[in-house]
Amino acid sequence: MSNSIFDRAQTSARFIQEKIKCDVDVAVVLGSGLGVFAETLEEQTIIPYEEIPDFARSTVEGHSGRLVVGKLPQTSINVAVMQGRFHYYEGYSLEEVTLPIRAFSALGVKKLVLTNASGGVNESFKAGDLMLITDHINLMMVSPLRGRHDQRLGARFPDMSEVYSREYGRIAKEVAAQLQLKLGEGVYMALQGPNYETPAEIRMMRVLGADAVGMSTVPEAIVARQMGMQTLGISLITNAAAGIEDGPINHAEVMEMGQRVSKQFCELLAKTIVKL
């Protein structure tokens, strides 16, 4: 294995390029239960993560663990889709978690879509709602940029005033309106996990300004920002966070909700990508 994250990302990118033999226009990372979008692509090339040098392995239910590259139906747009991501709570370092984003950058990708399943902190959100991520709060308390700096990856101190592209957000809202699909917006808060939050923690998050909470996305968004990629973030609200409604929270309902809204989600994603 190469020493630097830059070299490892380059190695991963070269392997992917040899397999797909085409340019990639947009990269997409799919969250828990949202993997069905990858199945809609045409002329697919499927690469299991275990074949890609330096890629980690998905160990969570709902994350298939493969890279699917293909065309959006009825377009010439090539999309690389991660059917599942890697998480800090799985025991991976944030360098490992974010290496695929750096590999996409090495492939020349400038447009990134990050999706996730999250808990609704804002009480106006209901299970099944979609939320445009306008900003985030990193309560994972660690940055993927920590450590020795390599200027080939981007600035040492990247600006974070617009991590999620306002223009991409405007386009997504416009598409949602055309589809008569409700697309809320809000701030996503990331925690390490894997345990769900306590009711007291959810009350704290609300005070701090979070609208949704999850265990991913933020490290990827930070790395993408450092490398000059434009990012669109969308959360599927799969459940009300702890303390808002009675009853326990479990991963099964996260998966079930992903399946329930998959058609609307795929349509929103496809039509938005066309306009990015």
Protein backbone atom coordinates (compact mmCIF):
# COMPACT_ATOMS: atom_id res chain seq x y z
CA MET A 1 0.00 0.00 0.00
CA SER A 2 1.30 3.49 -0.86
CA ASN A 3 2.16 5.75 2.04
CA SER A 4 0.14 8.84 1.14
CA ILE A 5 -3.61 9.16 0.80
CA PHE A 6 -3.00 11.00 -2.48
CA ASP A 7 -1.12 8.05 -3.96
CA ARG A 8 -3.69 5.55 -2.69
CA ALA A 9 -6.51 7.57 -4.26
CA GLN A 10 -4.60 7.70 -7.54
CA THR A 11 -4.14 3.91 -7.47
CA SER A 12 -7.86 3.36 -6.83
CA ALA A 13 -8.78 5.79 -9.61
CA ARG A 14 -6.48 4.11 -12.14
CA PHE A 15 -8.03 0.72 -11.39
CA ILE A 16 -11.57 2.11 -11.77
CA GLN A 17 -10.65 3.91 -15.01
CA GLU A 18 -9.30 0.70 -16.54
CA LYS A 19 -12.57 -1.07 -15.73
CA ILE A 20 -15.02 1.60 -16.95
CA LYS A 21 -13.08 3.10 -19.89
CA CYS A 22 -15.15 6.30 -19.86
CA ASP A 23 -15.21 9.69 -18.17
CA VAL A 24 -17.40 10.09 -15.09
CA ASP A 25 -19.61 13.19 -15.01
CA VAL A 26 -21.20 12.85 -11.56
CA ALA A 27 -20.45 10.71 -8.49
CA VAL A 28 -23.18 9.65 -6.08
CA VAL A 29 -22.92 8.10 -2.61
CA LEU A 30 -26.07 6.24 -1.53
CA GLY A 31 -27.09 5.94 2.11
CA SER A 32 -28.84 3.12 3.99
CA GLY A 33 -31.79 1.70 2.08
CA LEU A 34 -31.25 3.97 -0.93
CA GLY A 35 -29.13 1.62 -3.06
CA VAL A 36 -31.92 1.06 -5.59
CA PHE A 37 -30.90 4.17 -7.55
CA ALA A 38 -27.86 2.30 -8.87
CA GLU A 39 -30.16 -0.31 -10.42
CA THR A 40 -31.69 2.35 -12.71
CA LEU A 41 -28.45 3.00 -14.62
CA GLU A 42 -27.96 1.63 -18.12
CA GLU A 43 -24.82 -0.02 -19.59
CA GLN A 44 -23.62 -0.84 -16.09
CA THR A 45 -20.12 -1.74 -15.02
CA ILE A 46 -20.20 -3.22 -11.51
CA ILE A 47 -17.05 -3.32 -9.39
CA PRO A 48 -17.19 -4.86 -5.88
CA TYR A 49 -15.29 -2.75 -3.36
CA GLU A 50 -13.03 -5.67 -2.46
CA GLU A 51 -11.59 -5.55 -5.99
CA ILE A 52 -10.67 -1.85 -5.85
CA PRO A 53 -7.20 -1.22 -4.38
CA ASP A 54 -7.30 0.48 -0.96
CA PHE A 55 -11.11 0.62 -0.79
CA ALA A 56 -12.57 -0.51 2.53
CA ARG A 57 -15.52 -2.93 2.86
CA SER A 58 -19.14 -2.08 3.67
CA THR A 59 -20.23 -4.09 6.72
CA VAL A 60 -23.66 -2.52 7.31
CA GLU A 61 -27.02 -3.91 6.16
CA GLY A 62 -28.37 -1.78 3.32
CA HIS A 63 -24.91 -1.04 1.92
CA SER A 64 -24.26 -3.47 -0.96
CA GLY A 65 -20.58 -2.66 -1.15
CA ARG A 66 -20.06 -2.08 -4.84
CA LEU A 67 -19.35 0.71 -7.30
CA VAL A 68 -21.83 0.89 -10.18
CA VAL A 69 -20.93 3.03 -13.19
CA GLY A 70 -23.44 3.59 -15.98
CA LYS A 71 -25.52 6.07 -17.90
CA LEU A 72 -28.64 7.81 -16.69
CA PRO A 73 -31.51 6.50 -18.84
CA GLN A 74 -32.06 8.47 -22.06
CA THR A 75 -28.94 10.60 -21.49
CA SER A 76 -25.22 10.46 -22.22
CA ILE A 77 -24.40 11.30 -18.58
CA ASN A 78 -22.02 8.81 -16.94
CA VAL A 79 -22.65 8.39 -13.23
CA ALA A 80 -20.50 6.55 -10.70
CA VAL A 81 -22.64 5.33 -7.81
CA MET A 82 -21.38 4.00 -4.49
CA GLN A 83 -23.95 1.44 -3.43
CA GLY A 84 -23.10 1.84 0.22
CA ARG A 85 -20.39 3.80 1.99
CA PHE A 86 -17.84 3.26 4.76
CA HIS A 87 -18.45 4.62 8.27
CA TYR A 88 -16.20 5.79 11.07
CA TYR A 89 -18.18 3.60 13.48
CA GLU A 90 -17.20 0.50 11.51
CA GLY A 91 -13.67 1.02 12.79
CA TYR A 92 -12.27 2.69 9.69
CA SER A 93 -10.15 5.83 9.84
CA LEU A 94 -11.60 8.95 8.25
CA GLU A 95 -8.87 8.65 5.60
CA GLU A 96 -10.35 5.27 4.66
CA VAL A 97 -13.93 6.58 4.89
CA THR A 98 -13.19 9.42 2.48
CA LEU A 99 -10.74 7.72 0.10
CA PRO A 100 -13.49 7.04 -2.50
CA ILE A 101 -14.22 10.79 -2.70
CA ARG A 102 -10.54 11.47 -3.32
CA ALA A 103 -10.52 8.70 -5.96
CA PHE A 104 -13.49 10.35 -7.70
CA SER A 105 -11.55 13.63 -7.73
CA ALA A 106 -8.57 11.81 -9.23
CA LEU A 107 -10.94 10.59 -11.98
CA GLY A 108 -11.73 14.23 -12.76
CA VAL A 109 -15.17 14.27 -11.13
CA LYS A 110 -16.25 17.76 -10.04
CA LYS A 111 -19.91 17.06 -9.21
CA LEU A 112 -20.84 15.02 -6.13
CA VAL A 113 -24.18 13.95 -4.65
CA LEU A 114 -24.19 12.71 -1.06
CA THR A 115 -27.27 11.00 0.34
CA ASN A 116 -28.05 9.47 3.72
CA ALA A 117 -30.74 8.12 5.98
CA SER A 118 -31.18 10.28 9.04
CA GLY A 119 -33.31 10.91 12.10
CA GLY A 120 -35.55 13.95 12.18
CA VAL A 121 -34.52 16.39 14.93
CA ASN A 122 -36.75 19.18 13.68
CA GLU A 123 -40.25 18.15 14.79
CA SER A 124 -41.80 19.42 11.56
CA PHE A 125 -40.15 16.54 9.67
CA LYS A 126 -42.02 13.26 9.32
CA ALA A 127 -40.71 9.82 8.40
CA GLY A 128 -40.43 9.62 4.63
CA ASP A 129 -39.63 13.31 4.12
CA LEU A 130 -36.62 14.34 2.04
CA MET A 131 -34.35 17.13 3.29
CA LEU A 132 -31.94 19.22 1.25
CA ILE A 133 -28.78 19.66 3.34
CA THR A 134 -27.99 23.36 3.47
CA ASP A 135 -25.19 23.07 6.05
CA HIS A 136 -23.79 20.70 8.64
CA ILE A 137 -22.52 20.51 12.21
CA ASN A 138 -19.62 18.13 12.75
CA LEU A 139 -20.25 16.60 16.17
CA MET A 140 -18.05 13.64 15.24
CA MET A 141 -15.41 15.91 16.82
CA VAL A 142 -12.72 14.92 14.33
CA SER A 143 -11.82 16.16 10.84
CA PRO A 144 -10.84 13.94 7.89
CA LEU A 145 -8.15 16.54 7.12
CA ARG A 146 -6.30 15.96 10.39
CA GLY A 147 -2.65 14.92 10.05
CA ARG A 148 0.26 15.68 7.75
CA HIS A 149 -0.81 18.00 4.94
CA ASP A 150 -0.34 17.10 1.29
CA GLN A 151 -0.87 20.18 -0.88
CA ARG A 152 -1.84 17.97 -3.83
CA LEU A 153 -5.14 17.32 -1.99
CA GLY A 154 -6.07 20.98 -1.66
CA ALA A 155 -5.79 23.78 0.88
CA ARG A 156 -4.61 23.09 4.42
CA PHE A 157 -7.39 25.32 5.76
CA PRO A 158 -10.26 25.06 3.26
CA ASP A 159 -13.14 27.51 3.46
CA MET A 160 -16.35 25.90 4.76
CA SER A 161 -18.80 28.75 4.17
CA GLU A 162 -20.52 26.87 1.31
CA VAL A 163 -19.85 23.15 1.69
CA TYR A 164 -23.15 22.32 -0.04
CA SER A 165 -23.59 24.18 -3.32
CA ARG A 166 -26.39 26.74 -3.15
CA GLU A 167 -26.81 26.46 -6.91
CA TYR A 168 -27.20 22.68 -6.73
CA GLY A 169 -29.68 23.12 -3.89
CA ARG A 170 -31.70 25.58 -5.97
CA ILE A 171 -31.79 23.09 -8.85
CA ALA A 172 -32.93 20.24 -6.56
CA LYS A 173 -35.72 22.39 -5.11
CA GLU A 174 -36.81 23.36 -8.63
CA VAL A 175 -36.94 19.71 -9.74
CA ALA A 176 -38.83 18.70 -6.60
CA ALA A 177 -41.43 21.39 -7.28
CA GLN A 178 -41.87 20.12 -10.86
CA LEU A 179 -42.38 16.60 -9.50
CA GLN A 180 -44.77 17.94 -6.85
CA LEU A 181 -42.47 16.36 -4.29
CA LYS A 182 -41.91 17.90 -0.88
CA LEU A 183 -38.24 18.70 -0.33
CA GLY A 184 -37.54 20.41 2.97
CA GLU A 185 -34.20 21.88 3.89
CA GLY A 186 -32.08 22.01 6.98
CA VAL A 187 -28.86 21.42 8.86
CA TYR A 188 -27.46 17.90 9.17
CA MET A 189 -25.55 16.96 12.31
CA ALA A 190 -23.07 14.07 12.22
CA LEU A 191 -22.15 11.93 15.22
CA GLN A 192 -19.75 9.00 15.43
CA GLY A 193 -22.36 6.34 16.25
CA PRO A 194 -23.14 3.50 16.02
CA ASN A 195 -25.56 3.86 18.93
CA TYR A 196 -28.58 6.05 18.36
CA GLU A 197 -28.88 9.29 20.31
CA THR A 198 -30.60 9.73 23.67
CA PRO A 199 -33.64 12.01 24.05
CA ALA A 200 -31.46 14.45 26.02
CA GLU A 201 -28.90 14.54 23.19
CA ILE A 202 -31.66 15.22 20.66
CA ARG A 203 -32.90 18.15 22.77
CA MET A 204 -29.34 19.49 22.82
CA MET A 205 -29.06 19.13 19.02
CA ARG A 206 -32.25 21.09 18.52
CA VAL A 207 -30.85 23.93 20.62
CA LEU A 208 -27.63 23.83 18.58
CA GLY A 209 -29.57 24.23 15.33
CA ALA A 210 -29.69 20.71 13.86
CA ASP A 211 -32.67 19.57 11.80
CA ALA A 212 -31.52 15.99 11.14
CA VAL A 213 -28.92 13.68 12.62
CA GLY A 214 -26.87 10.80 11.24
CA MET A 215 -23.50 9.04 11.28
CA SER A 216 -22.01 9.84 7.86
CA THR A 217 -21.76 12.37 5.01
CA VAL A 218 -19.91 15.17 6.80
CA PRO A 219 -16.37 13.73 6.40
CA GLU A 220 -17.06 13.13 2.69
CA ALA A 221 -18.41 16.67 2.25
CA ILE A 222 -15.37 18.21 3.97
CA VAL A 223 -12.95 16.30 1.74
CA ALA A 224 -14.95 17.18 -1.38
CA ARG A 225 -14.83 20.84 -0.40
CA GLN A 226 -11.07 20.70 0.10
CA MET A 227 -10.64 19.30 -3.40
CA GLY A 228 -12.93 21.84 -5.07
CA MET A 229 -15.84 19.53 -5.81
CA GLN A 230 -19.40 20.90 -5.88
CA THR A 231 -21.67 18.96 -3.54
CA LEU A 232 -25.40 18.34 -3.28
CA GLY A 233 -26.60 16.70 -0.05
CA ILE A 234 -29.98 15.02 0.46
CA SER A 235 -31.20 13.26 3.61
CA LEU A 236 -34.08 10.81 3.80
CA ILE A 237 -35.77 11.29 7.16
CA THR A 238 -36.42 7.66 8.11
CA ASN A 239 -37.68 8.21 11.64
CA ALA A 240 -38.34 10.81 14.31
CA ALA A 241 -35.30 11.12 16.56
CA ALA A 242 -35.33 9.80 20.12
CA GLY A 243 -37.83 11.39 22.47
CA ILE A 244 -40.07 12.88 19.76
CA GLU A 245 -42.30 9.83 19.40
CA ASP A 246 -42.87 6.81 21.63
CA GLY A 247 -41.10 3.56 20.82
CA PRO A 248 -37.55 2.40 20.12
CA ILE A 249 -35.50 3.24 17.01
CA ASN A 250 -34.00 0.44 14.94
CA HIS A 251 -32.13 -0.08 11.66
CA ALA A 252 -34.93 -2.19 10.20
CA GLU A 253 -37.29 0.79 9.99
CA VAL A 254 -34.50 2.79 8.31
CA MET A 255 -34.29 0.12 5.59
CA GLU A 256 -38.06 -0.13 5.24
CA MET A 257 -38.48 3.62 4.77
CA GLY A 258 -35.76 3.65 2.11
CA GLN A 259 -37.68 1.05 0.13
CA ARG A 260 -40.96 2.93 0.58
CA VAL A 261 -39.73 6.20 -0.93
CA SER A 262 -37.31 4.68 -3.46
CA LYS A 263 -39.36 5.60 -6.55
CA GLN A 264 -39.69 9.28 -5.59
CA PHE A 265 -36.07 9.42 -4.47
CA CYS A 266 -34.76 7.93 -7.74
CA GLU A 267 -36.85 10.29 -9.84
CA LEU A 268 -35.69 13.35 -7.90
CA LEU A 269 -32.06 12.26 -8.08
CA ALA A 270 -32.10 11.43 -11.80
CA LYS A 271 -33.82 14.63 -12.92
CA THR A 272 -31.60 16.75 -10.65
CA ILE A 273 -28.37 15.17 -11.92
CA VAL A 274 -29.40 15.97 -15.50
CA LYS A 275 -29.53 19.67 -14.58
CA LEU A 276 -26.39 19.90 -12.47
